[in-house]
Amino acid sequence: MSKVFKICISSKFDQDMEDIYTITTIAGKGIVGDRYFSEDNDKNHQITLIESEKIDYYNKISNQKISYIDFRRNIITKGIELNPLIGKELQIGSTKIKVHKLCEPCLELQNKLQQTNF
């Protein structure tokens, strides 16, 4: 069964992500309180998702223990493959999400993944 495993936001680009339990979303703007929330939000930045299983796999093959939050995605899922959903809609609670593209690692995450000690 698929589920939301974690929900994270950051109010500013240079701040750590915060693990929270509920969010408010507004169509075309994103997640209230998140760094990407805005009136003219690019559809690719409104809400980001990643599979917890992908993080677990990365940590296993790299012999690291990077936390789920450090991957800097808004919604961390469990039990659902996200890549096949590109171009489709999924519903999380009362929010319908259109999956537009793969979410490549941000510069901060790229730098973090190159580190060897966490």
PDB file of N, CA and C in Angstrom:
ATOM      1  N   MET A   1       0.841  -1.179   0.000  1.00  0.00           N
ATOM      2  CA  MET A   1       0.000   0.000   0.000  1.00  0.00           C
ATOM      3  C   MET A   1       0.890   1.248   0.000  1.00  0.00           C
ATOM      4  N   SER A   2       0.588   2.184  -0.856  1.00  0.00           N
ATOM      5  CA  SER A   2       1.396   3.402  -0.935  1.00  0.00           C
ATOM      6  C   SER A   2       0.936   4.411   0.112  1.00  0.00           C
ATOM      7  N   LYS A   3       1.900   5.228   0.567  1.00  0.00           N
ATOM      8  CA  LYS A   3       1.565   6.233   1.572  1.00  0.00           C
ATOM      9  C   LYS A   3       2.583   7.361   1.549  1.00  0.00           C
ATOM     10  N   VAL A   4       2.199   8.470   2.161  1.00  0.00           N
ATOM     11  CA  VAL A   4       3.124   9.566   2.408  1.00  0.00           C
ATOM     12  C   VAL A   4       3.904   9.186   3.657  1.00  0.00           C
ATOM     13  N   PHE A   5       5.210   9.120   3.518  1.00  0.00           N
ATOM     14  CA  PHE A   5       6.090   8.709   4.611  1.00  0.00           C
ATOM     15  C   PHE A   5       6.545   9.916   5.431  1.00  0.00           C
ATOM     16  N   LYS A   6       6.895  10.999   4.744  1.00  0.00           N
ATOM     17  CA  LYS A   6       7.315  12.233   5.407  1.00  0.00           C
ATOM     18  C   LYS A   6       6.877  13.422   4.569  1.00  0.00           C
ATOM     19  N   ILE A   7       6.651  14.545   5.244  1.00  0.00           N
ATOM     20  CA  ILE A   7       6.345  15.815   4.582  1.00  0.00           C
ATOM     21  C   ILE A   7       7.358  16.828   5.105  1.00  0.00           C
ATOM     22  N   CYS A   8       7.988  17.548   4.185  1.00  0.00           N
ATOM     23  CA  CYS A   8       9.037  18.490   4.575  1.00  0.00           C
ATOM     24  C   CYS A   8       8.893  19.805   3.817  1.00  0.00           C
ATOM     25  N   ILE A   9       9.186  20.900   4.501  1.00  0.00           N
ATOM     26  CA  ILE A   9       9.232  22.205   3.846  1.00  0.00           C
ATOM     27  C   ILE A   9      10.422  22.985   4.399  1.00  0.00           C
ATOM     28  N   SER A  10      10.778  24.016   3.678  1.00  0.00           N
ATOM     29  CA  SER A  10      11.780  24.967   4.140  1.00  0.00           C
ATOM     30  C   SER A  10      11.300  26.346   3.727  1.00  0.00           C
ATOM     31  N   SER A  11      11.245  27.267   4.666  1.00  0.00           N
ATOM     32  CA  SER A  11      10.702  28.586   4.347  1.00  0.00           C
ATOM     33  C   SER A  11      11.676  29.448   3.551  1.00  0.00           C
ATOM     34  N   LYS A  12      12.961  29.109   3.588  1.00  0.00           N
ATOM     35  CA  LYS A  12      13.974  29.853   2.837  1.00  0.00           C
ATOM     36  C   LYS A  12      14.922  28.875   2.150  1.00  0.00           C
ATOM     37  N   PHE A  13      15.513  29.326   1.052  1.00  0.00           N
ATOM     38  CA  PHE A  13      16.390  28.466   0.264  1.00  0.00           C
ATOM     39  C   PHE A  13      17.615  27.995   1.037  1.00  0.00           C
ATOM     40  N   ASP A  14      18.120  28.813   1.934  1.00  0.00           N
ATOM     41  CA  ASP A  14      19.348  28.471   2.645  1.00  0.00           C
ATOM     42  C   ASP A  14      19.094  27.847   4.021  1.00  0.00           C
ATOM     43  N   GLN A  15      17.859  27.439   4.286  1.00  0.00           N
ATOM     44  CA  GLN A  15      17.531  26.812   5.566  1.00  0.00           C
ATOM     45  C   GLN A  15      17.326  25.312   5.391  1.00  0.00           C
ATOM     46  N   ASP A  16      17.542  24.584   6.488  1.00  0.00           N
ATOM     47  CA  ASP A  16      17.288  23.147   6.485  1.00  0.00           C
ATOM     48  C   ASP A  16      15.803  22.885   6.297  1.00  0.00           C
ATOM     49  N   MET A  17      15.490  21.705   5.788  1.00  0.00           N
ATOM     50  CA  MET A  17      14.107  21.280   5.657  1.00  0.00           C
ATOM     51  C   MET A  17      13.570  20.939   7.045  1.00  0.00           C
ATOM     52  N   GLU A  18      12.275  21.154   7.230  1.00  0.00           N
ATOM     53  CA  GLU A  18      11.597  20.860   8.491  1.00  0.00           C
ATOM     54  C   GLU A  18      10.591  19.741   8.241  1.00  0.00           C
ATOM     55  N   ASP A  19      10.627  18.720   9.080  1.00  0.00           N
ATOM     56  CA  ASP A  19       9.695  17.593   8.997  1.00  0.00           C
ATOM     57  C   ASP A  19       8.390  18.024   9.667  1.00  0.00           C
ATOM     58  N   ILE A  20       7.292  18.063   8.897  1.00  0.00           N
ATOM     59  CA  ILE A  20       6.006  18.493   9.437  1.00  0.00           C
ATOM     60  C   ILE A  20       4.955  17.410   9.184  1.00  0.00           C
ATOM     61  N   TYR A  21       3.776  17.580   9.742  1.00  0.00           N
ATOM     62  CA  TYR A  21       2.748  16.547   9.643  1.00  0.00           C
ATOM     63  C   TYR A  21       1.616  16.881   8.689  1.00  0.00           C
ATOM     64  N   THR A  22       1.343  18.143   8.479  1.00  0.00           N
ATOM     65  CA  THR A  22       0.284  18.533   7.550  1.00  0.00           C
ATOM     66  C   THR A  22       0.743  19.743   6.746  1.00  0.00           C
ATOM     67  N   ILE A  23       0.159  19.892   5.562  1.00  0.00           N
ATOM     68  CA  ILE A  23       0.453  21.052   4.732  1.00  0.00           C
ATOM     69  C   ILE A  23      -0.841  21.588   4.141  1.00  0.00           C
ATOM     70  N   THR A  24      -0.779  22.836   3.732  1.00  0.00           N
ATOM     71  CA  THR A  24      -1.860  23.446   2.968  1.00  0.00           C
ATOM     72  C   THR A  24      -1.306  23.733   1.586  1.00  0.00           C
ATOM     73  N   THR A  25      -2.019  23.293   0.555  1.00  0.00           N
ATOM     74  CA  THR A  25      -1.581  23.533  -0.818  1.00  0.00           C
ATOM     75  C   THR A  25      -2.579  24.442  -1.516  1.00  0.00           C
ATOM     76  N   ILE A  26      -2.068  25.244  -2.436  1.00  0.00           N
ATOM     77  CA  ILE A  26      -2.912  26.107  -3.256  1.00  0.00           C
ATOM     78  C   ILE A  26      -2.526  25.872  -4.711  1.00  0.00           C
ATOM     79  N   ALA A  27      -3.510  25.533  -5.517  1.00  0.00           N
ATOM     80  CA  ALA A  27      -3.270  25.220  -6.929  1.00  0.00           C
ATOM     81  C   ALA A  27      -2.512  26.344  -7.617  1.00  0.00           C
ATOM     82  N   GLY A  28      -1.483  25.971  -8.358  1.00  0.00           N
ATOM     83  CA  GLY A  28      -0.696  26.933  -9.107  1.00  0.00           C
ATOM     84  C   GLY A  28       0.330  27.693  -8.290  1.00  0.00           C
ATOM     85  N   LYS A  29       0.332  27.490  -6.967  1.00  0.00           N
ATOM     86  CA  LYS A  29       1.255  28.221  -6.093  1.00  0.00           C
ATOM     87  C   LYS A  29       2.176  27.298  -5.314  1.00  0.00           C
ATOM     88  N   GLY A  30       1.681  26.131  -4.914  1.00  0.00           N
ATOM     89  CA  GLY A  30       2.504  25.186  -4.173  1.00  0.00           C
ATOM     90  C   GLY A  30       2.058  25.002  -2.738  1.00  0.00           C
ATOM     91  N   ILE A  31       3.040  24.793  -1.869  1.00  0.00           N
ATOM     92  CA  ILE A  31       2.789  24.514  -0.458  1.00  0.00           C
ATOM     93  C   ILE A  31       2.960  25.797   0.345  1.00  0.00           C
ATOM     94  N   VAL A  32       1.928  26.171   1.079  1.00  0.00           N
ATOM     95  CA  VAL A  32       1.989  27.367   1.921  1.00  0.00           C
ATOM     96  C   VAL A  32       3.129  27.200   2.930  1.00  0.00           C
ATOM     97  N   GLY A  33       4.003  28.200   2.998  1.00  0.00           N
ATOM     98  CA  GLY A  33       5.123  28.174   3.931  1.00  0.00           C
ATOM     99  C   GLY A  33       6.407  27.627   3.349  1.00  0.00           C
ATOM    100  N   ASP A  34       6.353  27.041   2.154  1.00  0.00           N
ATOM    101  CA  ASP A  34       7.555  26.491   1.535  1.00  0.00           C
ATOM    102  C   ASP A  34       8.281  27.571   0.737  1.00  0.00           C
ATOM    103  N   ARG A  35       9.559  27.395   0.553  1.00  0.00           N
ATOM    104  CA  ARG A  35      10.409  28.367  -0.140  1.00  0.00           C
ATOM    105  C   ARG A  35       9.984  28.621  -1.580  1.00  0.00           C
ATOM    106  N   TYR A  36       9.317  27.676  -2.217  1.00  0.00           N
ATOM    107  CA  TYR A  36       8.908  27.846  -3.615  1.00  0.00           C
ATOM    108  C   TYR A  36       7.484  28.371  -3.774  1.00  0.00           C
ATOM    109  N   PHE A  37       6.765  28.563  -2.690  1.00  0.00           N
ATOM    110  CA  PHE A  37       5.390  29.047  -2.770  1.00  0.00           C
ATOM    111  C   PHE A  37       5.373  30.469  -3.318  1.00  0.00           C
ATOM    112  N   SER A  38       4.597  30.706  -4.392  1.00  0.00           N
ATOM    113  CA  SER A  38       4.484  32.065  -4.941  1.00  0.00           C
ATOM    114  C   SER A  38       3.295  32.162  -5.881  1.00  0.00           C
ATOM    115  N   GLU A  39       2.924  33.384  -6.197  1.00  0.00           N
ATOM    116  CA  GLU A  39       1.790  33.657  -7.087  1.00  0.00           C
ATOM    117  C   GLU A  39       2.037  33.136  -8.500  1.00  0.00           C
ATOM    118  N   ASP A  40       3.261  33.255  -8.975  1.00  0.00           N
ATOM    119  CA  ASP A  40       3.578  32.854 -10.349  1.00  0.00           C
ATOM    120  C   ASP A  40       4.553  31.678 -10.364  1.00  0.00           C
ATOM    121  N   ASN A  41       4.239  30.681  -9.569  1.00  0.00           N
ATOM    122  CA  ASN A  41       5.128  29.542  -9.380  1.00  0.00           C
ATOM    123  C   ASN A  41       5.247  28.699 -10.643  1.00  0.00           C
ATOM    124  N   ASP A  42       6.476  28.361 -10.993  1.00  0.00           N
ATOM    125  CA  ASP A  42       6.766  27.424 -12.076  1.00  0.00           C
ATOM    126  C   ASP A  42       6.195  26.062 -11.681  1.00  0.00           C
ATOM    127  N   LYS A  43       5.508  25.407 -12.597  1.00  0.00           N
ATOM    128  CA  LYS A  43       4.871  24.119 -12.284  1.00  0.00           C
ATOM    129  C   LYS A  43       5.866  23.071 -11.802  1.00  0.00           C
ATOM    130  N   ASN A  44       7.143  23.216 -12.149  1.00  0.00           N
ATOM    131  CA  ASN A  44       8.154  22.241 -11.753  1.00  0.00           C
ATOM    132  C   ASN A  44       8.655  22.433 -10.325  1.00  0.00           C
ATOM    133  N   HIS A  45       8.245  23.498  -9.662  1.00  0.00           N
ATOM    134  CA  HIS A  45       8.724  23.772  -8.306  1.00  0.00           C
ATOM    135  C   HIS A  45       7.634  23.772  -7.252  1.00  0.00           C
ATOM    136  N   GLN A  46       6.398  23.516  -7.619  1.00  0.00           N
ATOM    137  CA  GLN A  46       5.307  23.643  -6.657  1.00  0.00           C
ATOM    138  C   GLN A  46       5.384  22.608  -5.545  1.00  0.00           C
ATOM    139  N   ILE A  47       5.559  21.354  -5.898  1.00  0.00           N
ATOM    140  CA  ILE A  47       5.678  20.268  -4.917  1.00  0.00           C
ATOM    141  C   ILE A  47       6.660  19.251  -5.487  1.00  0.00           C
ATOM    142  N   THR A  48       7.623  18.823  -4.670  1.00  0.00           N
ATOM    143  CA  THR A  48       8.576  17.819  -5.126  1.00  0.00           C
ATOM    144  C   THR A  48       8.385  16.536  -4.324  1.00  0.00           C
ATOM    145  N   LEU A  49       8.593  15.406  -4.997  1.00  0.00           N
ATOM    146  CA  LEU A  49       8.400  14.099  -4.371  1.00  0.00           C
ATOM    147  C   LEU A  49       9.612  13.212  -4.624  1.00  0.00           C
ATOM    148  N   ILE A  50       9.841  12.274  -3.720  1.00  0.00           N
ATOM    149  CA  ILE A  50      10.869  11.256  -3.889  1.00  0.00           C
ATOM    150  C   ILE A  50      10.418  10.003  -3.141  1.00  0.00           C
ATOM    151  N   GLU A  51      10.834   8.855  -3.642  1.00  0.00           N
ATOM    152  CA  GLU A  51      10.502   7.578  -3.002  1.00  0.00           C
ATOM    153  C   GLU A  51      11.488   7.296  -1.867  1.00  0.00           C
ATOM    154  N   SER A  52      10.985   6.913  -0.711  1.00  0.00           N
ATOM    155  CA  SER A  52      11.864   6.554   0.409  1.00  0.00           C
ATOM    156  C   SER A  52      12.752   5.377   0.029  1.00  0.00           C
ATOM    157  N   GLU A  53      12.232   4.488  -0.799  1.00  0.00           N
ATOM    158  CA  GLU A  53      13.001   3.319  -1.217  1.00  0.00           C
ATOM    159  C   GLU A  53      14.240   3.717  -2.020  1.00  0.00           C
ATOM    160  N   LYS A  54      14.147   4.793  -2.803  1.00  0.00           N
ATOM    161  CA  LYS A  54      15.305   5.275  -3.577  1.00  0.00           C
ATOM    162  C   LYS A  54      16.374   5.822  -2.634  1.00  0.00           C
ATOM    163  N   ILE A  55      15.948   6.518  -1.594  1.00  0.00           N
ATOM    164  CA  ILE A  55      16.900   7.038  -0.611  1.00  0.00           C
ATOM    165  C   ILE A  55      17.563   5.882   0.128  1.00  0.00           C
ATOM    166  N   ASP A  56      16.771   4.900   0.543  1.00  0.00           N
ATOM    167  CA  ASP A  56      17.317   3.726   1.228  1.00  0.00           C
ATOM    168  C   ASP A  56      18.333   3.007   0.344  1.00  0.00           C
ATOM    169  N   TYR A  57      18.002   2.856  -0.941  1.00  0.00           N
ATOM    170  CA  TYR A  57      18.899   2.186  -1.886  1.00  0.00           C
ATOM    171  C   TYR A  57      20.199   2.976  -2.047  1.00  0.00           C
ATOM    172  N   TYR A  58      20.088   4.294  -2.216  1.00  0.00           N
ATOM    173  CA  TYR A  58      21.294   5.118  -2.351  1.00  0.00           C
ATOM    174  C   TYR A  58      22.182   4.961  -1.119  1.00  0.00           C
ATOM    175  N   ASN A  59      21.592   5.049   0.056  1.00  0.00           N
ATOM    176  CA  ASN A  59      22.375   4.910   1.284  1.00  0.00           C
ATOM    177  C   ASN A  59      23.049   3.547   1.369  1.00  0.00           C
ATOM    178  N   LYS A  60      22.368   2.516   0.916  1.00  0.00           N
ATOM    179  CA  LYS A  60      22.933   1.163   0.958  1.00  0.00           C
ATOM    180  C   LYS A  60      24.124   1.031   0.018  1.00  0.00           C
ATOM    181  N   ILE A  61      23.962   1.449  -1.242  1.00  0.00           N
ATOM    182  CA  ILE A  61      25.055   1.247  -2.208  1.00  0.00           C
ATOM    183  C   ILE A  61      26.227   2.197  -1.975  1.00  0.00           C
ATOM    184  N   SER A  62      25.974   3.331  -1.333  1.00  0.00           N
ATOM    185  CA  SER A  62      27.051   4.291  -1.074  1.00  0.00           C
ATOM    186  C   SER A  62      27.610   4.164   0.345  1.00  0.00           C
ATOM    187  N   ASN A  63      27.020   3.261   1.113  1.00  0.00           N
ATOM    188  CA  ASN A  63      27.427   3.054   2.505  1.00  0.00           C
ATOM    189  C   ASN A  63      27.375   4.365   3.300  1.00  0.00           C
ATOM    190  N   GLN A  64      26.278   5.093   3.108  1.00  0.00           N
ATOM    191  CA  GLN A  64      26.077   6.359   3.807  1.00  0.00           C
ATOM    192  C   GLN A  64      24.749   6.311   4.563  1.00  0.00           C
ATOM    193  N   LYS A  65      24.522   7.329   5.355  1.00  0.00           N
ATOM    194  CA  LYS A  65      23.275   7.432   6.119  1.00  0.00           C
ATOM    195  C   LYS A  65      22.720   8.839   5.987  1.00  0.00           C
ATOM    196  N   ILE A  66      22.418   9.239   4.761  1.00  0.00           N
ATOM    197  CA  ILE A  66      21.855  10.559   4.529  1.00  0.00           C
ATOM    198  C   ILE A  66      20.375  10.499   4.895  1.00  0.00           C
ATOM    199  N   SER A  67      19.933  11.432   5.700  1.00  0.00           N
ATOM    200  CA  SER A  67      18.544  11.403   6.165  1.00  0.00           C
ATOM    201  C   SER A  67      17.578  11.712   5.026  1.00  0.00           C
ATOM    202  N   TYR A  68      16.355  11.286   5.191  1.00  0.00           N
ATOM    203  CA  TYR A  68      15.310  11.562   4.193  1.00  0.00           C
ATOM    204  C   TYR A  68      15.158  13.068   3.980  1.00  0.00           C
ATOM    205  N   ILE A  69      15.209  13.816   5.048  1.00  0.00           N
ATOM    206  CA  ILE A  69      15.033  15.268   4.970  1.00  0.00           C
ATOM    207  C   ILE A  69      16.143  15.924   4.158  1.00  0.00           C
ATOM    208  N   ASP A  70      17.358  15.390   4.250  1.00  0.00           N
ATOM    209  CA  ASP A  70      18.486  15.989   3.539  1.00  0.00           C
ATOM    210  C   ASP A  70      18.363  15.884   2.019  1.00  0.00           C
ATOM    211  N   PHE A  71      17.445  15.083   1.519  1.00  0.00           N
ATOM    212  CA  PHE A  71      17.234  15.011   0.070  1.00  0.00           C
ATOM    213  C   PHE A  71      16.395  16.186  -0.435  1.00  0.00           C
ATOM    214  N   ARG A  72      15.888  17.012   0.476  1.00  0.00           N
ATOM    215  CA  ARG A  72      15.242  18.300   0.184  1.00  0.00           C
ATOM    216  C   ARG A  72      14.038  18.192  -0.750  1.00  0.00           C
ATOM    217  N   ARG A  73      13.226  17.181  -0.547  1.00  0.00           N
ATOM    218  CA  ARG A  73      11.981  17.036  -1.297  1.00  0.00           C
ATOM    219  C   ARG A  73      10.830  17.249  -0.334  1.00  0.00           C
ATOM    220  N   ASN A  74       9.701  17.732  -0.859  1.00  0.00           N
ATOM    221  CA  ASN A  74       8.555  18.034   0.002  1.00  0.00           C
ATOM    222  C   ASN A  74       7.853  16.788   0.517  1.00  0.00           C
ATOM    223  N   ILE A  75       7.642  15.827  -0.367  1.00  0.00           N
ATOM    224  CA  ILE A  75       6.890  14.633   0.024  1.00  0.00           C
ATOM    225  C   ILE A  75       7.742  13.405  -0.247  1.00  0.00           C
ATOM    226  N   ILE A  76       7.941  12.615   0.793  1.00  0.00           N
ATOM    227  CA  ILE A  76       8.683  11.366   0.678  1.00  0.00           C
ATOM    228  C   ILE A  76       7.659  10.250   0.782  1.00  0.00           C
ATOM    229  N   THR A  77       7.601   9.440  -0.265  1.00  0.00           N
ATOM    230  CA  THR A  77       6.580   8.399  -0.350  1.00  0.00           C
ATOM    231  C   THR A  77       7.139   7.044   0.048  1.00  0.00           C
ATOM    232  N   LYS A  78       6.245   6.111   0.246  1.00  0.00           N
ATOM    233  CA  LYS A  78       6.612   4.722   0.502  1.00  0.00           C
ATOM    234  C   LYS A  78       5.615   3.846  -0.250  1.00  0.00           C
ATOM    235  N   GLY A  79       6.142   2.883  -1.006  1.00  0.00           N
ATOM    236  CA  GLY A  79       5.283   1.905  -1.658  1.00  0.00           C
ATOM    237  C   GLY A  79       4.684   2.333  -2.986  1.00  0.00           C
ATOM    238  N   ILE A  80       5.259   3.339  -3.637  1.00  0.00           N
ATOM    239  CA  ILE A  80       4.763   3.762  -4.947  1.00  0.00           C
ATOM    240  C   ILE A  80       5.951   4.174  -5.815  1.00  0.00           C
ATOM    241  N   GLU A  81       5.962   3.714  -7.058  1.00  0.00           N
ATOM    242  CA  GLU A  81       6.987   4.137  -8.012  1.00  0.00           C
ATOM    243  C   GLU A  81       6.523   5.430  -8.662  1.00  0.00           C
ATOM    244  N   LEU A  82       7.320   6.471  -8.542  1.00  0.00           N
ATOM    245  CA  LEU A  82       6.924   7.787  -9.038  1.00  0.00           C
ATOM    246  C   LEU A  82       7.264   8.009 -10.511  1.00  0.00           C
ATOM    247  N   ASN A  83       8.378   7.481 -10.995  1.00  0.00           N
ATOM    248  CA  ASN A  83       8.786   7.743 -12.380  1.00  0.00           C
ATOM    249  C   ASN A  83       7.726   7.376 -13.411  1.00  0.00           C
ATOM    250  N   PRO A  84       7.015   6.252 -13.278  1.00  0.00           N
ATOM    251  CA  PRO A  84       5.975   5.930 -14.264  1.00  0.00           C
ATOM    252  C   PRO A  84       4.779   6.886 -14.241  1.00  0.00           C
ATOM    253  N   LEU A  85       4.717   7.773 -13.255  1.00  0.00           N
ATOM    254  CA  LEU A  85       3.582   8.691 -13.131  1.00  0.00           C
ATOM    255  C   LEU A  85       3.776   9.997 -13.897  1.00  0.00           C
ATOM    256  N   ILE A  86       4.917  10.171 -14.558  1.00  0.00           N
ATOM    257  CA  ILE A  86       5.151  11.407 -15.318  1.00  0.00           C
ATOM    258  C   ILE A  86       4.049  11.558 -16.361  1.00  0.00           C
ATOM    259  N   GLY A  87       3.433  12.746 -16.368  1.00  0.00           N
ATOM    260  CA  GLY A  87       2.327  13.030 -17.278  1.00  0.00           C
ATOM    261  C   GLY A  87       0.967  12.645 -16.727  1.00  0.00           C
ATOM    262  N   LYS A  88       0.952  12.066 -15.536  1.00  0.00           N
ATOM    263  CA  LYS A  88      -0.309  11.627 -14.929  1.00  0.00           C
ATOM    264  C   LYS A  88      -0.596  12.436 -13.666  1.00  0.00           C
ATOM    265  N   GLU A  89      -1.797  12.256 -13.146  1.00  0.00           N
ATOM    266  CA  GLU A  89      -2.187  12.892 -11.885  1.00  0.00           C
ATOM    267  C   GLU A  89      -2.241  11.855 -10.780  1.00  0.00           C
ATOM    268  N   LEU A  90      -1.882  12.277  -9.583  1.00  0.00           N
ATOM    269  CA  LEU A  90      -2.106  11.442  -8.416  1.00  0.00           C
ATOM    270  C   LEU A  90      -2.741  12.316  -7.348  1.00  0.00           C
ATOM    271  N   GLN A  91      -3.393  11.688  -6.421  1.00  0.00           N
ATOM    272  CA  GLN A  91      -4.073  12.424  -5.365  1.00  0.00           C
ATOM    273  C   GLN A  91      -3.463  12.057  -4.028  1.00  0.00           C
ATOM    274  N   ILE A  92      -3.102  13.094  -3.271  1.00  0.00           N
ATOM    275  CA  ILE A  92      -2.587  12.919  -1.916  1.00  0.00           C
ATOM    276  C   ILE A  92      -3.508  13.723  -1.011  1.00  0.00           C
ATOM    277  N   GLY A  93      -4.286  13.032  -0.222  1.00  0.00           N
ATOM    278  CA  GLY A  93      -5.300  13.708   0.583  1.00  0.00           C
ATOM    279  C   GLY A  93      -6.289  14.379  -0.341  1.00  0.00           C
ATOM    280  N   SER A  94      -6.519  15.660  -0.144  1.00  0.00           N
ATOM    281  CA  SER A  94      -7.451  16.388  -1.012  1.00  0.00           C
ATOM    282  C   SER A  94      -6.740  17.108  -2.159  1.00  0.00           C
ATOM    283  N   THR A  95      -5.431  16.916  -2.260  1.00  0.00           N
ATOM    284  CA  THR A  95      -4.637  17.608  -3.281  1.00  0.00           C
ATOM    285  C   THR A  95      -4.380  16.714  -4.482  1.00  0.00           C
ATOM    286  N   LYS A  96      -4.741  17.205  -5.664  1.00  0.00           N
ATOM    287  CA  LYS A  96      -4.399  16.519  -6.907  1.00  0.00           C
ATOM    288  C   LYS A  96      -3.088  17.091  -7.414  1.00  0.00           C
ATOM    289  N   ILE A  97      -2.158  16.206  -7.748  1.00  0.00           N
ATOM    290  CA  ILE A  97      -0.837  16.612  -8.210  1.00  0.00           C
ATOM    291  C   ILE A  97      -0.618  16.083  -9.619  1.00  0.00           C
ATOM    292  N   LYS A  98      -0.238  16.959 -10.530  1.00  0.00           N
ATOM    293  CA  LYS A  98       0.153  16.551 -11.881  1.00  0.00           C
ATOM    294  C   LYS A  98       1.662  16.347 -11.849  1.00  0.00           C
ATOM    295  N   VAL A  99       2.101  15.151 -12.220  1.00  0.00           N
ATOM    296  CA  VAL A  99       3.528  14.833 -12.222  1.00  0.00           C
ATOM    297  C   VAL A  99       4.098  15.283 -13.562  1.00  0.00           C
ATOM    298  N   HIS A 100       4.998  16.285 -13.528  1.00  0.00           N
ATOM    299  CA  HIS A 100       5.508  16.887 -14.757  1.00  0.00           C
ATOM    300  C   HIS A 100       6.825  16.294 -15.233  1.00  0.00           C
ATOM    301  N   LYS A 101       7.750  16.039 -14.316  1.00  0.00           N
ATOM    302  CA  LYS A 101       9.080  15.597 -14.742  1.00  0.00           C
ATOM    303  C   LYS A 101       9.817  14.959 -13.576  1.00  0.00           C
ATOM    304  N   LEU A 102      10.945  14.325 -13.895  1.00  0.00           N
ATOM    305  CA  LEU A 102      11.820  13.808 -12.857  1.00  0.00           C
ATOM    306  C   LEU A 102      12.394  14.975 -12.074  1.00  0.00           C
ATOM    307  N   CYS A 103      12.613  14.763 -10.810  1.00  0.00           N
ATOM    308  CA  CYS A 103      13.153  15.812  -9.945  1.00  0.00           C
ATOM    309  C   CYS A 103      14.638  15.527  -9.723  1.00  0.00           C
ATOM    310  N   GLU A 104      15.478  16.222 -10.466  1.00  0.00           N
ATOM    311  CA  GLU A 104      16.924  16.035 -10.360  1.00  0.00           C
ATOM    312  C   GLU A 104      17.432  16.644  -9.052  1.00  0.00           C
ATOM    313  N   PRO A 105      18.549  16.125  -8.533  1.00  0.00           N
ATOM    314  CA  PRO A 105      19.091  16.673  -7.286  1.00  0.00           C
ATOM    315  C   PRO A 105      19.461  18.150  -7.421  1.00  0.00           C
ATOM    316  N   CYS A 106      19.105  18.936  -6.421  1.00  0.00           N
ATOM    317  CA  CYS A 106      19.471  20.353  -6.393  1.00  0.00           C
ATOM    318  C   CYS A 106      20.963  20.474  -6.092  1.00  0.00           C
ATOM    319  N   LEU A 107      21.508  21.666  -6.274  1.00  0.00           N
ATOM    320  CA  LEU A 107      22.936  21.892  -6.060  1.00  0.00           C
ATOM    321  C   LEU A 107      23.349  21.551  -4.630  1.00  0.00           C
ATOM    322  N   GLU A 108      22.520  21.924  -3.660  1.00  0.00           N
ATOM    323  CA  GLU A 108      22.846  21.619  -2.263  1.00  0.00           C
ATOM    324  C   GLU A 108      22.941  20.111  -2.036  1.00  0.00           C
ATOM    325  N   LEU A 109      22.011  19.357  -2.608  1.00  0.00           N
ATOM    326  CA  LEU A 109      22.051  17.902  -2.464  1.00  0.00           C
ATOM    327  C   LEU A 109      23.245  17.318  -3.213  1.00  0.00           C
ATOM    328  N   GLN A 110      23.529  17.818  -4.401  1.00  0.00           N
ATOM    329  CA  GLN A 110      24.694  17.335  -5.144  1.00  0.00           C
ATOM    330  C   GLN A 110      25.964  17.498  -4.315  1.00  0.00           C
ATOM    331  N   ASN A 111      26.108  18.644  -3.688  1.00  0.00           N
ATOM    332  CA  ASN A 111      27.282  18.876  -2.838  1.00  0.00           C
ATOM    333  C   ASN A 111      27.299  17.929  -1.648  1.00  0.00           C
ATOM    334  N   LYS A 112      26.151  17.705  -1.054  1.00  0.00           N
ATOM    335  CA  LYS A 112      26.049  16.819   0.108  1.00  0.00           C
ATOM    336  C   LYS A 112      26.392  15.373  -0.266  1.00  0.00           C
ATOM    337  N   LEU A 113      25.951  14.934  -1.440  1.00  0.00           N
ATOM    338  CA  LEU A 113      26.202  13.559  -1.863  1.00  0.00           C
ATOM    339  C   LEU A 113      27.676  13.299  -2.134  1.00  0.00           C
ATOM    340  N   GLN A 114      28.437  14.340  -2.406  1.00  0.00           N
ATOM    341  CA  GLN A 114      29.872  14.178  -2.642  1.00  0.00           C
ATOM    342  C   GLN A 114      30.653  14.068  -1.342  1.00  0.00           C
ATOM    343  N   GLN A 115      30.038  14.464  -0.240  1.00  0.00           N
ATOM    344  CA  GLN A 115      30.701  14.335   1.055  1.00  0.00           C
ATOM    345  C   GLN A 115      30.749  12.867   1.441  1.00  0.00           C
ATOM    346  N   THR A 116      31.716  12.521   2.268  1.00  0.00           N
ATOM    347  CA  THR A 116      31.826  11.121   2.672  1.00  0.00           C
ATOM    348  C   THR A 116      31.459  10.885   4.126  1.00  0.00           C
ATOM    349  N   ASN A 117      31.342  11.936   4.916  1.00  0.00           N
ATOM    350  CA  ASN A 117      30.974  11.729   6.322  1.00  0.00           C
ATOM    351  C   ASN A 117      29.805  12.629   6.700  1.00  0.00           C
ATOM    352  N   PHE A 118      28.800  12.023   7.298  1.00  0.00           N
ATOM    353  CA  PHE A 118      27.599  12.760   7.702  1.00  0.00           C
ATOM    354  C   PHE A 118      27.350  12.561   9.174  1.00  0.00           C
TER     355      PHE A 118
END
